[in-house]
């Protein structure tokens, strides 16, 4: 966090822009501003890869949407509803340990929430692929770390029940998750960028 603010402070092309840094969770920010009874409106709010870690996604969106100025935008970036993540989470998410707060939420889920709330937004698909070939090489350290990342499970390759591991490895090769090009497996890591209107 400090390295980001230091780099911004040193950037010559940002000298006339004022930054306010808040190192806190969305919940902590909301609690603090409510306790201080200070509601500040913003021209731009971004929520990049963070909605997975809030307890109540619709309530979080409602709160931050209420902080937008009349011409402002709320930008949310998270995994696409058309990504391999969506397939993995829907099919296997309940089999992964949930010892930390993590919601399996995608741009498709968020679009449904925004539609239900009657909010106007635009959805943009951001193509991205990740080479996960090493996941299929038994004992490959990088592959094991990638499996940990994909499943949000420490030592997944060593601790997962054999049947779950078999199903997951099979799923990772399917078109719903990945594509095979030149003998390599590329995971569909697409993101959804959602721009929400005030």
Protein backbone atom coordinates (compact mmCIF):
# COMPACT_ATOMS: atom_id res chain seq x y z
CA UNK A 1 0.00 0.00 0.00
CA UNK A 2 2.72 2.49 0.95
CA UNK A 3 4.65 1.77 -2.24
CA UNK A 4 1.59 2.70 -4.32
CA UNK A 5 1.06 6.02 -2.55
CA UNK A 6 4.80 6.78 -2.77
CA UNK A 7 4.85 6.12 -6.52
CA UNK A 8 1.79 8.32 -7.03
CA UNK A 9 3.43 11.11 -5.01
CA UNK A 10 6.53 10.93 -7.25
CA UNK A 11 4.61 10.89 -10.54
CA UNK A 12 5.04 14.31 -12.17
CA UNK A 13 1.90 14.04 -14.30
CA UNK A 14 -0.32 13.67 -11.19
CA UNK A 15 0.83 16.78 -9.34
CA UNK A 16 -2.53 18.62 -9.62
CA UNK A 17 -4.61 15.64 -8.58
CA UNK A 18 -5.56 15.17 -4.94
CA UNK A 19 -5.62 11.60 -3.64
CA UNK A 20 -7.34 10.40 -0.49
CA UNK A 21 -6.01 7.01 0.62
CA UNK A 22 -8.12 4.66 2.72
CA UNK A 23 -6.53 1.39 3.77
CA UNK A 24 -9.63 -0.33 5.07
CA UNK A 25 -12.25 -2.82 3.99
CA UNK A 26 -15.50 -1.68 2.42
CA UNK A 27 -17.26 -2.57 5.67
CA UNK A 28 -14.72 -0.61 7.75
CA UNK A 29 -15.12 2.42 5.48
CA UNK A 30 -18.92 2.31 5.70
CA UNK A 31 -18.82 1.87 9.50
CA UNK A 32 -16.35 4.72 9.95
CA UNK A 33 -18.23 7.20 7.76
CA UNK A 34 -21.55 6.28 9.38
CA UNK A 35 -20.04 6.72 12.87
CA UNK A 36 -18.56 10.08 11.88
CA UNK A 37 -21.88 11.01 10.24
CA UNK A 38 -19.87 12.30 7.29
CA UNK A 39 -21.23 11.23 3.96
CA UNK A 40 -18.94 12.35 1.17
CA UNK A 41 -19.99 12.07 -2.46
CA UNK A 42 -17.46 10.81 -5.01
CA UNK A 43 -16.93 11.32 -8.75
CA UNK A 44 -15.41 7.89 -9.21
CA UNK A 45 -15.40 4.76 -7.07
CA UNK A 46 -13.71 1.55 -8.15
CA UNK A 47 -14.12 -1.93 -6.73
CA UNK A 48 -11.50 -4.03 -8.46
CA UNK A 49 -11.39 -7.73 -7.57
CA UNK A 50 -12.80 -7.06 -4.09
CA UNK A 51 -16.48 -8.02 -4.06
CA UNK A 52 -15.49 -11.63 -3.34
CA UNK A 53 -14.52 -10.49 0.15
CA UNK A 54 -17.65 -8.70 1.34
CA UNK A 55 -20.40 -10.37 3.34
CA UNK A 56 -23.33 -8.80 1.48
CA UNK A 57 -22.65 -7.88 -2.15
CA UNK A 58 -26.00 -6.17 -2.90
CA UNK A 59 -25.79 -4.08 0.30
CA UNK A 60 -22.19 -3.08 -0.48
CA UNK A 61 -23.15 -2.00 -4.01
CA UNK A 62 -26.18 -0.07 -2.68
CA UNK A 63 -24.06 1.77 -0.13
CA UNK A 64 -21.27 2.80 -2.50
CA UNK A 65 -23.78 3.63 -5.25
CA UNK A 66 -25.41 6.05 -2.79
CA UNK A 67 -22.06 7.90 -2.55
CA UNK A 68 -21.93 8.78 -6.26
CA UNK A 69 -22.19 12.38 -7.45
CA UNK A 70 -24.78 13.00 -10.19
CA UNK A 71 -22.33 12.46 -13.09
CA UNK A 72 -20.13 9.89 -11.33
CA UNK A 73 -19.37 6.26 -12.12
CA UNK A 74 -18.88 3.14 -10.02
CA UNK A 75 -16.49 0.68 -11.69
CA UNK A 76 -16.57 -2.96 -10.63
CA UNK A 77 -14.13 -5.48 -12.06
CA UNK A 78 -14.46 -9.15 -11.19
CA UNK A 79 -14.36 -12.51 -12.92
CA UNK A 80 -16.59 -12.80 -15.93
CA UNK A 81 -19.73 -14.88 -15.95
CA UNK A 82 -18.28 -16.38 -19.13
CA UNK A 83 -14.96 -17.38 -17.55
CA UNK A 84 -13.54 -20.65 -16.34
CA UNK A 85 -13.91 -19.29 -12.80
CA UNK A 86 -17.70 -19.27 -13.18
CA UNK A 87 -17.66 -22.91 -14.27
CA UNK A 88 -15.32 -23.98 -11.45
CA UNK A 89 -17.21 -22.08 -8.76
CA UNK A 90 -20.65 -23.26 -9.82
CA UNK A 91 -19.61 -26.92 -10.13
CA UNK A 92 -17.03 -27.28 -7.36
CA UNK A 93 -17.17 -24.21 -5.11
CA UNK A 94 -19.10 -26.01 -2.39
CA UNK A 95 -16.35 -28.67 -2.27
CA UNK A 96 -13.59 -26.16 -1.56
CA UNK A 97 -12.89 -25.22 2.05
CA UNK A 98 -14.56 -22.02 3.18
CA UNK A 99 -12.41 -21.14 6.18
CA UNK A 100 -12.04 -17.56 4.96
CA UNK A 101 -14.59 -15.06 3.74
CA UNK A 102 -14.90 -15.50 0.00
CA UNK A 103 -18.04 -15.20 -2.09
CA UNK A 104 -18.06 -16.87 -5.46
CA UNK A 105 -19.50 -13.91 -7.36
CA UNK A 106 -19.08 -13.19 -11.08
CA UNK A 107 -20.15 -10.45 -13.48
CA UNK A 108 -23.21 -12.57 -14.33
CA UNK A 109 -24.23 -12.67 -10.65
CA UNK A 110 -23.64 -8.93 -10.28
CA UNK A 111 -25.65 -8.17 -13.44
CA UNK A 112 -28.62 -10.05 -11.95
CA UNK A 113 -28.27 -8.08 -8.70
CA UNK A 114 -28.09 -4.76 -10.56
CA UNK A 115 -31.11 -5.66 -12.71
CA UNK A 116 -33.08 -6.57 -9.57
CA UNK A 117 -32.10 -3.23 -8.01
CA UNK A 118 -33.08 -1.34 -11.17
CA UNK A 119 -29.61 0.17 -11.59
CA UNK A 120 -28.27 1.23 -14.99
CA UNK A 121 -24.90 -0.18 -16.05
CA UNK A 122 -22.72 -1.25 -18.95
CA UNK A 123 -20.88 -4.57 -18.95
CA UNK A 124 -17.59 -5.03 -20.80
CA UNK A 125 -15.80 -8.34 -21.29
CA UNK A 126 -12.03 -8.19 -20.74
CA UNK A 127 -10.41 -11.21 -22.41
CA UNK A 128 -7.67 -12.95 -20.45
CA UNK A 129 -6.14 -16.41 -20.54
CA UNK A 130 -3.72 -18.08 -18.15
CA UNK A 131 -1.41 -20.98 -19.07
CA UNK A 132 -2.22 -23.74 -16.56
CA UNK A 133 -0.41 -26.56 -18.37
CA UNK A 134 1.86 -27.12 -15.36
CA UNK A 135 -1.21 -28.13 -13.29
CA UNK A 136 -1.29 -31.38 -15.26
CA UNK A 137 2.34 -32.30 -14.59
CA UNK A 138 2.38 -34.48 -11.47
CA UNK A 139 4.64 -33.01 -8.79
CA UNK A 140 5.26 -29.72 -10.65
CA UNK A 141 5.61 -27.03 -7.94
CA UNK A 142 4.27 -24.20 -10.12
CA UNK A 143 1.35 -26.39 -11.15
CA UNK A 144 0.55 -27.16 -7.51
CA UNK A 145 0.63 -23.45 -6.66
CA UNK A 146 -1.69 -22.72 -9.59
CA UNK A 147 -4.11 -25.37 -8.32
CA UNK A 148 -3.99 -23.72 -4.89
CA UNK A 149 -4.81 -20.40 -6.56
CA UNK A 150 -7.62 -21.81 -8.72
CA UNK A 151 -9.26 -23.59 -5.78
CA UNK A 152 -8.29 -21.09 -3.05
CA UNK A 153 -7.06 -24.14 -1.14
CA UNK A 154 -3.60 -24.50 0.36
CA UNK A 155 -1.90 -27.71 -0.84
CA UNK A 156 -4.95 -28.74 -2.90
CA UNK A 157 -2.95 -31.29 -4.94
CA UNK A 158 -1.84 -33.06 -1.74
CA UNK A 159 -4.94 -32.71 0.46
CA UNK A 160 -7.98 -32.86 -1.83
CA UNK A 161 -9.99 -36.08 -1.88
CA UNK A 162 -8.82 -38.08 -4.94
CA UNK A 163 -12.26 -38.00 -6.59
CA UNK A 164 -12.55 -34.20 -6.23
CA UNK A 165 -9.06 -33.74 -7.63
CA UNK A 166 -9.86 -36.05 -10.57
CA UNK A 167 -13.12 -34.19 -11.32
CA UNK A 168 -11.45 -30.80 -11.06
CA UNK A 169 -8.54 -31.76 -13.31
CA UNK A 170 -11.01 -33.14 -15.86
CA UNK A 171 -13.10 -29.96 -15.66
CA UNK A 172 -10.06 -27.73 -16.14
CA UNK A 173 -9.45 -29.31 -19.57
CA UNK A 174 -13.03 -28.80 -20.78
CA UNK A 175 -14.09 -25.92 -23.07
CA UNK A 176 -16.17 -24.37 -20.26
CA UNK A 177 -12.93 -23.67 -18.38
CA UNK A 178 -10.06 -23.72 -20.82
CA UNK A 179 -8.92 -24.12 -24.37
CA UNK A 180 -6.08 -26.26 -25.61
CA UNK A 181 -3.68 -24.61 -28.06
CA UNK A 182 -0.36 -26.00 -29.27
CA UNK A 183 -0.45 -28.69 -26.59
CA UNK A 184 -0.93 -26.15 -23.77
CA UNK A 185 -3.97 -25.63 -21.57
CA UNK A 186 -5.11 -21.99 -21.30
CA UNK A 187 -7.61 -21.22 -18.54
CA UNK A 188 -10.32 -18.71 -19.46
CA UNK A 189 -9.49 -15.94 -17.00
CA UNK A 190 -11.84 -13.34 -18.55
CA UNK A 191 -12.91 -10.44 -16.38
CA UNK A 192 -16.09 -8.42 -16.43
CA UNK A 193 -15.87 -4.65 -16.11
CA UNK A 194 -19.17 -3.16 -15.01
CA UNK A 195 -19.68 0.60 -15.08
CA UNK A 196 -22.63 1.54 -12.89
CA UNK A 197 -24.45 4.84 -13.42
CA UNK A 198 -25.60 7.07 -10.52
